[in-house]
Amino acid sequence: MNAASRGGLISVKKGALRHPVVIAAGGAALAAVLVLNVLAFLRGLESPWLLGGVIVADMLVIGENAFIACGRPSAKNLVSTLKRDVRQPVYVL
């Protein structure tokens, strides 16, 4: 057996989401949301705009994670699903 001809033990899909800059930007965004959450919690009702902004930001992050978890449905899959799920009209004579 020739060990030099073997590839890696695992393969990882190459894509934009696995780029180190994108990962660093995501980590920085997560850290910023966490800092804003702590700041809003500490200030409380003294700054309602911060509290409201943090609530909206948290909802967006949760929605984005739910979208990623469902496998990012493509437009092609969405159209085929809609065609399959839409009922055909019933004609009454």
Protein backbone atom coordinates (compact mmCIF):
# COMPACT_ATOMS: atom_id res chain seq x y z
CA MET A 1 0.00 0.00 0.00
CA ASN A 2 1.18 3.46 -0.82
CA ALA A 3 0.47 5.86 2.05
CA ALA A 4 1.54 8.90 0.04
CA SER A 5 -1.34 8.54 -2.43
CA ARG A 6 -4.03 8.60 0.22
CA GLY A 7 -6.06 11.73 0.70
CA GLY A 8 -7.17 13.23 3.98
CA LEU A 9 -9.20 11.28 6.47
CA ILE A 10 -12.16 13.61 6.14
CA SER A 11 -13.40 15.98 3.51
CA VAL A 12 -14.98 19.34 4.19
CA LYS A 13 -17.14 21.15 1.68
CA LYS A 14 -15.63 24.40 0.59
CA GLY A 15 -17.94 27.36 0.79
CA ALA A 16 -18.22 30.97 1.79
CA LEU A 17 -19.57 30.14 5.25
CA ARG A 18 -16.44 28.19 6.14
CA HIS A 19 -14.05 31.01 5.29
CA PRO A 20 -12.07 32.18 8.35
CA VAL A 21 -13.08 35.82 7.83
CA VAL A 22 -16.77 34.92 7.82
CA ILE A 23 -16.34 32.79 10.93
CA ALA A 24 -14.50 35.64 12.68
CA ALA A 25 -17.21 38.12 11.66
CA GLY A 26 -19.90 35.78 13.02
CA GLY A 27 -18.02 35.43 16.29
CA ALA A 28 -17.63 39.19 16.56
CA ALA A 29 -21.35 39.69 15.88
CA LEU A 30 -22.22 37.12 18.54
CA ALA A 31 -19.93 38.86 21.04
CA ALA A 32 -21.52 42.22 20.21
CA VAL A 33 -25.03 40.84 20.76
CA LEU A 34 -23.95 39.35 24.09
CA VAL A 35 -22.38 42.63 25.24
CA LEU A 36 -25.51 44.56 24.24
CA ASN A 37 -27.69 42.05 26.11
CA VAL A 38 -25.64 42.49 29.29
CA LEU A 39 -25.65 46.28 28.90
CA ALA A 40 -29.41 46.37 28.35
CA PHE A 41 -29.96 44.12 31.36
CA LEU A 42 -27.82 46.30 33.60
CA ARG A 43 -29.37 49.60 32.46
CA GLY A 44 -32.91 48.27 32.47
CA LEU A 45 -35.65 50.83 31.95
CA GLU A 46 -33.22 53.76 32.01
CA SER A 47 -32.71 53.21 28.29
CA PRO A 48 -35.80 51.58 26.75
CA TRP A 49 -34.44 52.09 23.21
CA LEU A 50 -31.51 49.79 24.06
CA LEU A 51 -33.79 47.20 25.61
CA GLY A 52 -36.09 47.25 22.57
CA GLY A 53 -33.18 47.08 20.16
CA VAL A 54 -31.72 44.09 21.97
CA ILE A 55 -35.06 42.29 21.89
CA VAL A 56 -35.33 42.84 18.13
CA ALA A 57 -31.71 41.75 17.60
CA ASP A 58 -32.31 38.59 19.64
CA MET A 59 -35.40 37.75 17.59
CA LEU A 60 -33.43 38.20 14.36
CA VAL A 61 -30.63 35.94 15.61
CA ILE A 62 -33.11 33.27 16.70
CA GLY A 63 -34.91 33.50 13.35
CA GLU A 64 -31.67 33.24 11.43
CA ASN A 65 -30.61 30.19 13.42
CA ALA A 66 -33.97 28.54 12.81
CA PHE A 67 -33.58 29.26 9.08
CA ILE A 68 -30.09 27.73 9.07
CA ALA A 69 -31.26 24.71 11.08
CA CYS A 70 -34.04 23.90 8.61
CA GLY A 71 -31.48 23.48 5.85
CA ARG A 72 -31.94 26.72 3.94
CA PRO A 73 -34.65 25.68 1.53
CA SER A 74 -33.88 26.73 -2.01
CA ALA A 75 -36.37 28.47 -4.28
CA LYS A 76 -36.60 25.35 -6.43
CA ASN A 77 -37.57 23.16 -3.47
CA LEU A 78 -40.00 25.80 -2.22
CA VAL A 79 -41.80 25.98 -5.59
CA SER A 80 -42.05 22.20 -5.86
CA THR A 81 -43.41 22.02 -2.31
CA LEU A 82 -46.00 24.71 -3.04
CA LYS A 83 -47.10 22.95 -6.21
CA ARG A 84 -47.49 19.68 -4.34
CA ASP A 85 -49.34 21.21 -1.37
CA VAL A 86 -51.76 23.45 -3.28
CA ARG A 87 -55.15 21.87 -3.73
CA GLN A 88 -56.73 21.64 -7.13
CA PRO A 89 -59.99 23.58 -7.63
CA VAL A 90 -63.26 21.66 -7.42
CA TYR A 91 -65.88 22.48 -10.01
CA VAL A 92 -69.52 22.09 -9.05
CA LEU A 93 -72.06 21.79 -11.87
